[in-house]
Amino acid sequence: MRSKHSEGKNLKFSHFILWLFRLVCIGIMCYSGFKIYTWHKENVENDKLKNSFQNTITEEKVIVDGRNAYKLNIDFEELLKRNSETVGWIKVNNTNIDYPIVRHNDNEYYLTHNFENSYNSSGWIFLDYRNNSEILDKNTIIYGHNRLNDSMFGTLKNALDSSWCDNYENRYISFSTTTNNYVAQIFSIYKIDVNTLSVPNNFKDNEDYNKYLEDITSKSYYNFETTVDTSNNILTLYTCGDNSNYRVIVHAKILDI
């Protein structure tokens, strides 16, 4: 038979385990609450930033193949005062993508810092550090997080929906740099595995570039019936998928307008 002493020890141990379990649960709840609060706070901070830029942008309608598209006119002087690493602006129709673009000397910094260089898990929309924003490379690559509140590139996944693609005006991306205003026409949209090697920005020769164009065109989930060849420079938008297993890629050829 168990002694009263051993039963008492077991009871005390059970109470200790219960107390410890409750303490761990409280800790998890506090940590989760803090993370939710921080996530919300960072989203609000970046939304305010985005709204503060609207007086720096105007649109100019242009006609492409009989359809409306828009060039952007940006007050880059004002933006550069706020962040000297500003290199452009990107806007995609019927998404929330309407942001100034920044560029650092690596592809890491703006994953965790916003336009005002404050730490923010939303990051910002940024140009690949290998790209030259003034003299466009064959492939100009722009990155942004897929945020659950649909900020940054959170609505780029809209482009995977055929109903979005069927709207011709959605196929024209407004893209500006500090030296020029462009319209880019989407020709390919697809997902890639998270382990895919980095996207190239330049190519050794036209044959190499042509192979790349054929490859990314063939991957498209939607047939845009848009021709692209080695005479074209292209724009690539790159973001995470809804889980960590894939990335969403949108390619558009930069039009000569």
Protein backbone atom coordinates (compact mmCIF):
# COMPACT_ATOMS: atom_id res chain seq x y z
CA MET A 1 0.00 0.00 0.00
CA ARG A 2 1.10 3.55 -0.70
CA SER A 3 1.91 5.63 2.31
CA LYS A 4 0.18 8.92 2.98
CA HIS A 5 3.58 10.54 2.61
CA SER A 6 4.06 9.24 -0.97
CA GLU A 7 0.50 10.13 -1.89
CA GLY A 8 1.13 13.63 -0.61
CA LYS A 9 4.28 13.94 -2.68
CA ASN A 10 2.44 12.74 -5.80
CA LEU A 11 -0.34 15.23 -5.17
CA LYS A 12 2.14 18.08 -4.79
CA PHE A 13 3.89 16.99 -7.98
CA SER A 14 0.57 16.89 -9.86
CA HIS A 15 -0.23 20.39 -8.61
CA PHE A 16 3.20 21.56 -9.74
CA ILE A 17 2.71 20.07 -13.22
CA LEU A 18 -0.73 21.69 -13.47
CA TRP A 19 0.70 25.03 -12.34
CA LEU A 20 3.55 24.72 -14.85
CA PHE A 21 1.13 23.83 -17.66
CA ARG A 22 -1.01 26.87 -16.86
CA LEU A 23 2.07 29.07 -16.78
CA VAL A 24 3.19 27.78 -20.20
CA CYS A 25 -0.31 28.38 -21.62
CA ILE A 26 -0.36 31.92 -20.28
CA GLY A 27 3.09 32.50 -21.78
CA ILE A 28 1.97 31.20 -25.18
CA MET A 29 -1.16 33.39 -25.06
CA CYS A 30 0.87 36.47 -24.14
CA TYR A 31 3.43 35.78 -26.88
CA SER A 32 0.71 35.14 -29.47
CA GLY A 33 -1.11 38.30 -28.44
CA PHE A 34 2.10 40.30 -28.72
CA LYS A 35 2.82 38.88 -32.20
CA ILE A 36 -0.73 39.69 -33.38
CA TYR A 37 -0.46 43.21 -31.98
CA THR A 38 2.95 43.71 -33.64
CA TRP A 39 1.68 42.33 -36.97
CA HIS A 40 -1.29 44.68 -36.89
CA LYS A 41 0.84 47.65 -35.84
CA GLU A 42 3.32 47.06 -38.68
CA ASN A 43 0.50 46.78 -41.22
CA VAL A 44 -1.06 50.04 -40.00
CA GLU A 45 2.33 51.76 -40.15
CA ASN A 46 2.91 50.72 -43.76
CA ASP A 47 -0.67 51.53 -44.80
CA LYS A 48 -0.17 55.07 -43.50
CA LEU A 49 3.09 55.29 -45.41
CA LYS A 50 1.40 54.13 -48.61
CA ASN A 51 -1.41 56.67 -48.22
CA SER A 52 1.09 59.46 -47.64
CA PHE A 53 2.53 58.97 -51.14
CA GLN A 54 -0.65 59.52 -53.11
CA ASN A 55 0.03 63.22 -53.72
CA THR A 56 3.27 62.29 -55.48
CA ILE A 57 1.59 60.39 -58.33
CA THR A 58 -0.60 61.23 -61.34
CA GLU A 59 -1.70 59.00 -64.22
CA GLU A 60 -1.64 59.57 -67.97
CA LYS A 61 -3.94 57.41 -70.11
CA VAL A 62 -2.42 55.79 -73.17
CA ILE A 63 -4.01 53.47 -75.73
CA VAL A 64 -2.42 50.07 -76.31
CA ASP A 65 -4.00 47.83 -78.98
CA GLY A 66 -7.19 49.85 -78.67
CA ARG A 67 -7.37 49.43 -74.90
CA ASN A 68 -6.69 51.77 -71.99
CA ALA A 69 -3.40 51.61 -70.14
CA TYR A 70 -1.71 54.16 -67.91
CA LYS A 71 1.68 55.75 -67.55
CA LEU A 72 2.57 57.15 -64.16
CA ASN A 73 4.06 60.54 -63.49
CA ILE A 74 5.88 60.47 -60.16
CA ASP A 75 7.34 63.23 -58.03
CA PHE A 76 10.57 61.35 -57.40
CA GLU A 77 12.25 64.44 -55.97
CA GLU A 78 9.88 64.29 -53.00
CA LEU A 79 10.27 60.52 -52.61
CA LEU A 80 14.05 60.70 -52.76
CA LYS A 81 14.00 63.21 -49.90
CA ARG A 82 12.26 60.57 -47.80
CA ASN A 83 14.38 57.64 -48.99
CA SER A 84 17.48 58.09 -51.14
CA GLU A 85 17.19 54.45 -52.30
CA THR A 86 13.94 55.13 -54.19
CA VAL A 87 14.26 53.84 -57.77
CA GLY A 88 10.73 53.61 -59.14
CA TRP A 89 7.03 52.93 -58.77
CA ILE A 90 4.83 49.92 -59.60
CA LYS A 91 1.05 49.75 -60.04
CA VAL A 92 -1.00 46.70 -61.04
CA ASN A 93 -4.69 47.13 -61.93
CA ASN A 94 -7.33 45.57 -59.67
CA THR A 95 -4.82 44.72 -56.98
CA ASN A 96 -3.51 46.67 -53.99
CA ILE A 97 -0.11 46.98 -55.65
CA ASP A 98 0.59 50.70 -55.92
CA TYR A 99 3.94 51.43 -54.28
CA PRO A 100 7.23 53.23 -54.67
CA ILE A 101 10.11 50.84 -55.30
CA VAL A 102 13.39 50.89 -53.38
CA ARG A 103 16.72 49.19 -53.96
CA HIS A 104 19.46 48.27 -51.46
CA ASN A 105 22.86 46.64 -52.00
CA ASP A 106 21.37 43.22 -51.25
CA ASN A 107 18.04 41.41 -51.50
CA GLU A 108 17.65 41.02 -47.74
CA TYR A 109 17.32 44.47 -46.19
CA TYR A 110 13.86 45.40 -47.51
CA LEU A 111 12.45 42.03 -46.52
CA THR A 112 12.37 43.39 -42.97
CA HIS A 113 12.49 47.20 -43.38
CA ASN A 114 9.93 49.60 -44.77
CA PHE A 115 10.26 52.73 -46.89
CA GLU A 116 11.37 54.81 -43.90
CA ASN A 117 14.04 52.23 -42.97
CA SER A 118 12.15 51.16 -39.85
CA TYR A 119 12.16 47.49 -38.92
CA ASN A 120 8.89 46.00 -40.21
CA SER A 121 8.12 42.38 -41.05
CA SER A 122 6.00 43.61 -43.99
CA GLY A 123 9.21 44.86 -45.59
CA TRP A 124 8.72 46.93 -48.75
CA ILE A 125 8.54 46.57 -52.52
CA PHE A 126 12.13 46.40 -53.78
CA LEU A 127 14.18 46.02 -56.93
CA ASP A 128 16.71 43.22 -57.28
CA TYR A 129 20.09 44.62 -56.24
CA ARG A 130 21.61 43.30 -59.51
CA ASN A 131 19.30 45.46 -61.63
CA ASN A 132 20.10 48.89 -63.04
CA SER A 133 16.97 50.99 -62.71
CA GLU A 134 18.17 53.75 -65.05
CA ILE A 135 19.27 51.53 -67.93
CA LEU A 136 16.97 48.52 -67.83
CA ASP A 137 18.44 45.04 -67.91
CA LYS A 138 16.85 42.33 -70.03
CA ASN A 139 14.93 41.25 -66.93
CA THR A 140 13.99 43.79 -64.25
CA ILE A 141 12.94 41.91 -61.10
CA ILE A 142 10.76 43.33 -58.31
CA TYR A 143 10.02 41.55 -55.01
CA GLY A 144 7.41 41.94 -52.30
CA HIS A 145 5.93 39.91 -49.46
CA ASN A 146 2.58 38.14 -49.78
CA ARG A 147 0.93 39.69 -46.72
CA LEU A 148 -2.25 38.21 -45.24
CA ASN A 149 -3.85 41.67 -45.12
CA ASP A 150 -3.29 41.93 -48.92
CA SER A 151 -0.65 44.66 -48.62
CA MET A 152 2.67 44.64 -50.51
CA PHE A 153 2.38 41.83 -53.12
CA GLY A 154 -0.41 40.12 -51.19
CA THR A 155 -2.85 40.56 -54.11
CA LEU A 156 -0.44 39.49 -56.85
CA LYS A 157 -2.05 36.04 -56.57
CA ASN A 158 -5.18 37.62 -58.12
CA ALA A 159 -3.33 37.20 -61.40
CA LEU A 160 -3.63 33.42 -61.06
CA ASP A 161 -7.40 33.74 -61.49
CA SER A 162 -8.56 33.45 -65.11
CA SER A 163 -11.36 35.96 -64.47
CA TRP A 164 -8.72 38.53 -63.52
CA CYS A 165 -6.71 37.76 -66.65
CA ASP A 166 -9.82 38.00 -68.85
CA ASN A 167 -10.02 41.72 -68.05
CA TYR A 168 -7.65 43.17 -70.64
CA GLU A 169 -6.91 46.32 -68.66
CA ASN A 170 -5.45 44.14 -65.88
CA ARG A 171 -2.80 42.92 -68.30
CA TYR A 172 -1.02 46.28 -68.40
CA ILE A 173 1.31 47.14 -65.54
CA SER A 174 2.31 50.74 -64.87
CA PHE A 175 6.01 50.90 -64.08
CA SER A 176 8.15 53.99 -63.61
CA THR A 177 11.79 54.62 -62.83
CA THR A 178 13.47 57.90 -61.95
CA THR A 179 14.34 58.30 -65.65
CA ASN A 180 11.32 56.96 -67.56
CA ASN A 181 7.67 55.94 -67.39
CA TYR A 182 6.71 52.56 -68.86
CA VAL A 183 3.79 50.29 -69.57
CA ALA A 184 4.46 46.55 -69.39
CA GLN A 185 2.17 43.92 -70.91
CA ILE A 186 1.75 40.62 -69.03
CA PHE A 187 2.58 37.51 -71.05
CA SER A 188 3.10 34.82 -68.38
CA ILE A 189 1.88 33.93 -64.89
CA TYR A 190 2.75 30.77 -62.97
CA LYS A 191 3.94 29.21 -59.71
CA ILE A 192 7.42 27.84 -59.07
CA ASP A 193 8.83 25.59 -56.38
CA VAL A 194 10.38 27.39 -53.44
CA ASN A 195 13.73 25.69 -54.16
CA THR A 196 13.97 27.08 -57.70
CA LEU A 197 17.22 28.94 -58.35
CA SER A 198 17.17 32.73 -58.44
CA VAL A 199 15.65 34.52 -61.43
CA PRO A 200 18.31 35.76 -63.91
CA ASN A 201 18.43 39.44 -64.77
CA ASN A 202 20.82 39.25 -67.75
CA PHE A 203 21.86 36.61 -70.27
CA LYS A 204 25.09 35.66 -72.01
CA ASP A 205 23.59 36.04 -75.53
CA ASN A 206 20.30 36.21 -77.44
CA GLU A 207 20.12 32.44 -77.73
CA ASP A 208 20.29 32.08 -73.96
CA TYR A 209 17.69 34.82 -73.51
CA ASN A 210 15.37 33.31 -76.10
CA LYS A 211 15.47 29.93 -74.34
CA TYR A 212 14.51 31.66 -71.11
CA LEU A 213 11.61 33.50 -72.77
CA GLU A 214 10.32 30.27 -74.32
CA ASP A 215 10.56 28.49 -70.97
CA ILE A 216 8.68 31.10 -68.93
CA THR A 217 6.04 31.54 -71.64
CA SER A 218 5.38 27.80 -71.74
CA LYS A 219 4.89 27.72 -67.95
CA SER A 220 2.06 30.26 -67.98
CA TYR A 221 -1.25 29.15 -66.47
CA TYR A 222 -3.03 31.43 -68.93
CA ASN A 223 -2.52 31.98 -72.65
CA PHE A 224 -2.20 35.73 -73.10
CA GLU A 225 -1.51 35.38 -76.85
CA THR A 226 1.21 38.00 -76.42
CA THR A 227 4.44 37.58 -78.36
CA VAL A 228 7.77 38.36 -76.75
CA ASP A 229 11.23 38.05 -78.26
CA THR A 230 14.87 38.98 -77.63
CA SER A 231 14.26 42.57 -78.72
CA ASN A 232 12.07 43.05 -75.64
CA ASN A 233 13.09 43.81 -72.09
CA ILE A 234 10.84 42.22 -69.50
CA LEU A 235 9.54 42.98 -66.01
CA THR A 236 9.22 40.22 -63.40
CA LEU A 237 7.14 40.44 -60.21
CA TYR A 238 8.01 37.84 -57.56
CA THR A 239 6.30 36.93 -54.30
CA CYS A 240 5.62 34.06 -51.89
CA GLY A 241 2.62 31.80 -52.33
CA ASP A 242 -0.08 31.28 -49.72
CA ASN A 243 2.23 28.74 -48.12
CA SER A 244 6.00 28.38 -48.04
CA ASN A 245 6.17 25.73 -50.77
CA TYR A 246 5.88 27.91 -53.86
CA ARG A 247 6.38 31.37 -55.34
CA VAL A 248 4.10 33.36 -57.66
CA ILE A 249 5.76 34.86 -60.74
CA VAL A 250 4.33 37.41 -63.20
CA HIS A 251 6.25 38.37 -66.35
CA ALA A 252 5.45 41.35 -68.59
CA LYS A 253 7.20 42.76 -71.62
CA ILE A 254 8.06 46.46 -71.43
CA LEU A 255 6.34 48.27 -74.29
CA ASP A 256 7.84 50.98 -76.45
CA ILE A 257 5.20 53.70 -76.13
